[in-house]
Amino acid sequence: MIRYDRQDTSFVFKERRFNSRWLKSVAENEGKKIGQIAVVFCSDDYLLQINRQFLNHSYYTDIITFDYCEGDVLSGDLLISVDSVRDNAGHYGSSFDEELHRVIVHGLLHLIGYDDHTRKDQKQMRAKENEYLCSRNTMLL
């Protein structure tokens, strides 16, 4: 089950059912199942506080993923700063929605086991993000 929540923001995510179907299809394509996933939309300040408290990092980020997976069952928390997503969309010349979907699937890909520490990992992660963003757009048709 995928649950959507918010902390320290008035942002309302309106595509819950469709997004959950999409994420389920991503998981299945990767040979995984959805367990308990919380997608929490929040502010920059809220996510910075979490970053400091749990990861000992003192910088802003667009997403923090907490992994509680067991075997092929994906469980975890995806904490997403809508402020950073909005800023990144402007910086990269994409729409807010496209950047938001990219960040959401990025978090799911971390739960699946993809990493982005090296250039090679980043390239693979970006390719997977693009693949699944295309599949999302296809599902809309």
C-alpha atoms as a PDB file:
ATOM      1  CA  MET A   1       0.000   0.000   0.000  1.00  0.00           C
ATOM      2  CA  ILE A   2       1.215   3.488  -0.827  1.00  0.00           C
ATOM      3  CA  ARG A   3       0.139   6.250   1.521  1.00  0.00           C
ATOM      4  CA  TYR A   4       0.473   9.976   0.786  1.00  0.00           C
ATOM      5  CA  ASP A   5       0.919  12.573   3.493  1.00  0.00           C
ATOM      6  CA  ARG A   6       2.339  16.049   4.016  1.00  0.00           C
ATOM      7  CA  GLN A   7       4.340  17.866   6.674  1.00  0.00           C
ATOM      8  CA  ASP A   8       4.900  21.617   6.934  1.00  0.00           C
ATOM      9  CA  THR A   9       3.365  22.338   3.524  1.00  0.00           C
ATOM     10  CA  SER A  10      -0.047  23.080   2.082  1.00  0.00           C
ATOM     11  CA  PHE A  11       0.768  21.103  -1.081  1.00  0.00           C
ATOM     12  CA  VAL A  12      -1.941  18.600  -2.054  1.00  0.00           C
ATOM     13  CA  PHE A  13      -1.037  15.698  -4.326  1.00  0.00           C
ATOM     14  CA  LYS A  14      -4.079  14.960  -6.466  1.00  0.00           C
ATOM     15  CA  GLU A  15      -2.948  11.969  -8.524  1.00  0.00           C
ATOM     16  CA  ARG A  16      -2.762   9.375  -5.764  1.00  0.00           C
ATOM     17  CA  ARG A  17      -4.536   6.421  -7.378  1.00  0.00           C
ATOM     18  CA  PHE A  18      -2.902   6.810 -10.771  1.00  0.00           C
ATOM     19  CA  ASN A  19       0.505   7.382  -9.185  1.00  0.00           C
ATOM     20  CA  SER A  20       0.140   4.284  -7.029  1.00  0.00           C
ATOM     21  CA  ARG A  21      -0.715   2.164 -10.090  1.00  0.00           C
ATOM     22  CA  TRP A  22       2.325   3.583 -11.870  1.00  0.00           C
ATOM     23  CA  LEU A  23       4.676   2.859  -8.966  1.00  0.00           C
ATOM     24  CA  LYS A  24       3.259  -0.645  -8.658  1.00  0.00           C
ATOM     25  CA  SER A  25       3.993  -1.228 -12.353  1.00  0.00           C
ATOM     26  CA  VAL A  26       7.569   0.062 -11.870  1.00  0.00           C
ATOM     27  CA  ALA A  27       8.074  -2.324  -8.952  1.00  0.00           C
ATOM     28  CA  GLU A  28       6.640  -5.274 -10.886  1.00  0.00           C
ATOM     29  CA  ASN A  29       8.832  -4.482 -13.882  1.00  0.00           C
ATOM     30  CA  GLU A  30      11.846  -4.673 -11.546  1.00  0.00           C
ATOM     31  CA  GLY A  31      10.658  -7.993 -10.040  1.00  0.00           C
ATOM     32  CA  LYS A  32       9.510  -6.404  -6.766  1.00  0.00           C
ATOM     33  CA  LYS A  33       6.240  -5.948  -4.866  1.00  0.00           C
ATOM     34  CA  ILE A  34       4.924  -2.892  -3.072  1.00  0.00           C
ATOM     35  CA  GLY A  35       4.729  -3.289   0.700  1.00  0.00           C
ATOM     36  CA  GLN A  36       4.198  -0.232   2.892  1.00  0.00           C
ATOM     37  CA  ILE A  37       5.444   2.989   1.305  1.00  0.00           C
ATOM     38  CA  ALA A  38       4.806   6.477   2.646  1.00  0.00           C
ATOM     39  CA  VAL A  39       5.275   9.400   0.270  1.00  0.00           C
ATOM     40  CA  VAL A  40       5.529  12.506   2.434  1.00  0.00           C
ATOM     41  CA  PHE A  41       5.493  15.932   0.801  1.00  0.00           C
ATOM     42  CA  CYS A  42       7.162  18.587   2.923  1.00  0.00           C
ATOM     43  CA  SER A  43       8.986  21.922   2.968  1.00  0.00           C
ATOM     44  CA  ASP A  44      12.700  22.555   2.511  1.00  0.00           C
ATOM     45  CA  ASP A  45      13.040  23.425   6.197  1.00  0.00           C
ATOM     46  CA  TYR A  46      11.311  20.240   7.338  1.00  0.00           C
ATOM     47  CA  LEU A  47      13.491  18.054   5.111  1.00  0.00           C
ATOM     48  CA  LEU A  48      16.647  19.901   6.213  1.00  0.00           C
ATOM     49  CA  GLN A  49      15.741  19.127   9.831  1.00  0.00           C
ATOM     50  CA  ILE A  50      15.302  15.415   8.951  1.00  0.00           C
ATOM     51  CA  ASN A  51      18.578  15.458   7.001  1.00  0.00           C
ATOM     52  CA  ARG A  52      20.423  16.860  10.024  1.00  0.00           C
ATOM     53  CA  GLN A  53      18.706  14.654  12.590  1.00  0.00           C
ATOM     54  CA  PHE A  54      18.924  11.279  10.864  1.00  0.00           C
ATOM     55  CA  LEU A  55      21.738  11.578   8.305  1.00  0.00           C
ATOM     56  CA  ASN A  56      23.978  14.170   9.947  1.00  0.00           C
ATOM     57  CA  HIS A  57      23.927  16.245   6.738  1.00  0.00           C
ATOM     58  CA  SER A  58      23.483  19.998   6.859  1.00  0.00           C
ATOM     59  CA  TYR A  59      22.188  20.747   3.364  1.00  0.00           C
ATOM     60  CA  TYR A  60      18.951  20.986   1.432  1.00  0.00           C
ATOM     61  CA  THR A  61      17.863  18.141  -0.822  1.00  0.00           C
ATOM     62  CA  ASP A  62      14.791  17.248  -2.846  1.00  0.00           C
ATOM     63  CA  ILE A  63      14.287  13.742  -1.409  1.00  0.00           C
ATOM     64  CA  ILE A  64      15.378  11.514   1.431  1.00  0.00           C
ATOM     65  CA  THR A  65      14.554   7.823   1.206  1.00  0.00           C
ATOM     66  CA  PHE A  66      14.349   5.620   4.277  1.00  0.00           C
ATOM     67  CA  ASP A  67      14.543   1.960   3.270  1.00  0.00           C
ATOM     68  CA  TYR A  68      12.631  -0.687   5.239  1.00  0.00           C
ATOM     69  CA  CYS A  69      12.589  -3.306   2.454  1.00  0.00           C
ATOM     70  CA  GLU A  70      12.587  -7.018   3.151  1.00  0.00           C
ATOM     71  CA  GLY A  71      13.527  -9.269   0.258  1.00  0.00           C
ATOM     72  CA  ASP A  72      11.463  -8.420  -2.814  1.00  0.00           C
ATOM     73  CA  VAL A  73       8.921  -6.375  -0.843  1.00  0.00           C
ATOM     74  CA  LEU A  74       9.488  -2.624  -1.103  1.00  0.00           C
ATOM     75  CA  SER A  75       8.771  -0.650   2.052  1.00  0.00           C
ATOM     76  CA  GLY A  76      10.037   2.736   3.078  1.00  0.00           C
ATOM     77  CA  ASP A  77       9.479   6.448   3.456  1.00  0.00           C
ATOM     78  CA  LEU A  78      10.006   8.913   0.610  1.00  0.00           C
ATOM     79  CA  LEU A  79      10.264  12.431   2.051  1.00  0.00           C
ATOM     80  CA  ILE A  80      10.037  14.977  -0.752  1.00  0.00           C
ATOM     81  CA  SER A  81      10.600  18.724  -0.505  1.00  0.00           C
ATOM     82  CA  VAL A  82       8.096  20.399  -2.806  1.00  0.00           C
ATOM     83  CA  ASP A  83      10.154  23.605  -2.459  1.00  0.00           C
ATOM     84  CA  SER A  84      13.267  21.938  -3.895  1.00  0.00           C
ATOM     85  CA  VAL A  85      11.231  20.167  -6.577  1.00  0.00           C
ATOM     86  CA  ARG A  86       9.823  23.539  -7.670  1.00  0.00           C
ATOM     87  CA  ASP A  87      13.306  25.121  -7.701  1.00  0.00           C
ATOM     88  CA  ASN A  88      14.785  22.168  -9.628  1.00  0.00           C
ATOM     89  CA  ALA A  89      12.006  22.275 -12.208  1.00  0.00           C
ATOM     90  CA  GLY A  90      12.901  25.889 -12.960  1.00  0.00           C
ATOM     91  CA  HIS A  91      16.611  25.130 -12.981  1.00  0.00           C
ATOM     92  CA  TYR A  92      16.261  22.158 -15.366  1.00  0.00           C
ATOM     93  CA  GLY A  93      13.553  23.728 -17.536  1.00  0.00           C
ATOM     94  CA  SER A  94      10.939  21.090 -16.776  1.00  0.00           C
ATOM     95  CA  SER A  95       7.449  21.355 -15.384  1.00  0.00           C
ATOM     96  CA  PHE A  96       6.816  21.002 -11.672  1.00  0.00           C
ATOM     97  CA  ASP A  97       4.782  17.827 -12.294  1.00  0.00           C
ATOM     98  CA  GLU A  98       7.505  16.199 -14.395  1.00  0.00           C
ATOM     99  CA  GLU A  99      10.163  16.979 -11.790  1.00  0.00           C
ATOM    100  CA  LEU A 100       7.907  15.748  -8.988  1.00  0.00           C
ATOM    101  CA  HIS A 101       7.273  12.440 -10.772  1.00  0.00           C
ATOM    102  CA  ARG A 102      11.014  12.094 -11.432  1.00  0.00           C
ATOM    103  CA  VAL A 103      11.788  12.566  -7.733  1.00  0.00           C
ATOM    104  CA  ILE A 104       9.081  10.105  -6.682  1.00  0.00           C
ATOM    105  CA  VAL A 105      10.338   7.376  -9.013  1.00  0.00           C
ATOM    106  CA  HIS A 106      13.923   8.218  -7.982  1.00  0.00           C
ATOM    107  CA  GLY A 107      12.992   7.368  -4.396  1.00  0.00           C
ATOM    108  CA  LEU A 108      11.321   4.129  -5.458  1.00  0.00           C
ATOM    109  CA  LEU A 109      14.397   3.192  -7.489  1.00  0.00           C
ATOM    110  CA  HIS A 110      16.486   3.617  -4.334  1.00  0.00           C
ATOM    111  CA  LEU A 111      14.161   1.163  -2.556  1.00  0.00           C
ATOM    112  CA  ILE A 112      14.563  -1.234  -5.474  1.00  0.00           C
ATOM    113  CA  GLY A 113      18.329  -1.093  -4.999  1.00  0.00           C
ATOM    114  CA  TYR A 114      19.621   1.494  -7.453  1.00  0.00           C
ATOM    115  CA  ASP A 115      22.211   3.940  -6.179  1.00  0.00           C
ATOM    116  CA  ASP A 116      23.569   7.294  -7.365  1.00  0.00           C
ATOM    117  CA  HIS A 117      26.927   7.678  -5.661  1.00  0.00           C
ATOM    118  CA  THR A 118      29.166   7.270  -8.723  1.00  0.00           C
ATOM    119  CA  ARG A 119      28.872   8.789 -12.204  1.00  0.00           C
ATOM    120  CA  LYS A 120      28.083   5.339 -13.589  1.00  0.00           C
ATOM    121  CA  ASP A 121      25.337   4.839 -10.971  1.00  0.00           C
ATOM    122  CA  GLN A 122      23.939   8.322 -11.673  1.00  0.00           C
ATOM    123  CA  LYS A 123      23.787   7.586 -15.397  1.00  0.00           C
ATOM    124  CA  GLN A 124      21.958   4.307 -14.785  1.00  0.00           C
ATOM    125  CA  MET A 125      19.565   5.988 -12.322  1.00  0.00           C
ATOM    126  CA  ARG A 126      18.774   8.774 -14.802  1.00  0.00           C
ATOM    127  CA  ALA A 127      18.144   6.221 -17.573  1.00  0.00           C
ATOM    128  CA  LYS A 128      15.736   4.305 -15.302  1.00  0.00           C
ATOM    129  CA  GLU A 129      13.980   7.530 -14.287  1.00  0.00           C
ATOM    130  CA  ASN A 130      13.514   8.450 -17.967  1.00  0.00           C
ATOM    131  CA  GLU A 131      12.295   4.944 -18.840  1.00  0.00           C
ATOM    132  CA  TYR A 132       9.671   4.987 -16.105  1.00  0.00           C
ATOM    133  CA  LEU A 133       8.606   8.583 -16.779  1.00  0.00           C
ATOM    134  CA  CYS A 134       7.931   7.488 -20.371  1.00  0.00           C
ATOM    135  CA  SER A 135       5.960   4.491 -19.135  1.00  0.00           C
ATOM    136  CA  ARG A 136       3.931   6.841 -16.914  1.00  0.00           C
ATOM    137  CA  ASN A 137       3.116   9.038 -19.896  1.00  0.00           C
ATOM    138  CA  THR A 138       2.107   5.951 -21.897  1.00  0.00           C
ATOM    139  CA  MET A 139      -0.255   4.906 -19.086  1.00  0.00           C
ATOM    140  CA  LEU A 140      -1.964   8.306 -19.422  1.00  0.00           C
ATOM    141  CA  LEU A 141      -2.949   7.629 -23.031  1.00  0.00           C
END
